[in-house]
């Protein structure tokens, strides 16, 4: 397995790797790496129970997975993968301001183009 230094030399300086106690290069405005810093991951996590699934597959899909969440202008944009029993695809929810409304939020398929 390559060392972190080897991997970091291949990656763009703007990429930040997260790992417990790993030295992480930080990008400098002139493109040079600043001194390395470390960060610790939390040792405990807490979850909010919404009382059931946040969303069920729509559009005759069998499953939803791999959610990615971004926040823009106070709304969440959520992307994911879907499976129809034979093929995988991609989709996005319409932007929401609260995760509890995902069960009634349209799931929009994405084209492969």
Foldseek 3Di string as FASTA:
>chain_A
DDDPVVVCVVDQQCDWDADAQDFTWHADVVRDTDGTDGDHDDPDDDDDDPPDDLADDDPQWHDWDDWDWDDDPQWIKIKTWTHNPDDIFIWIWDTGNDSNCSHVTDIGTDDPD
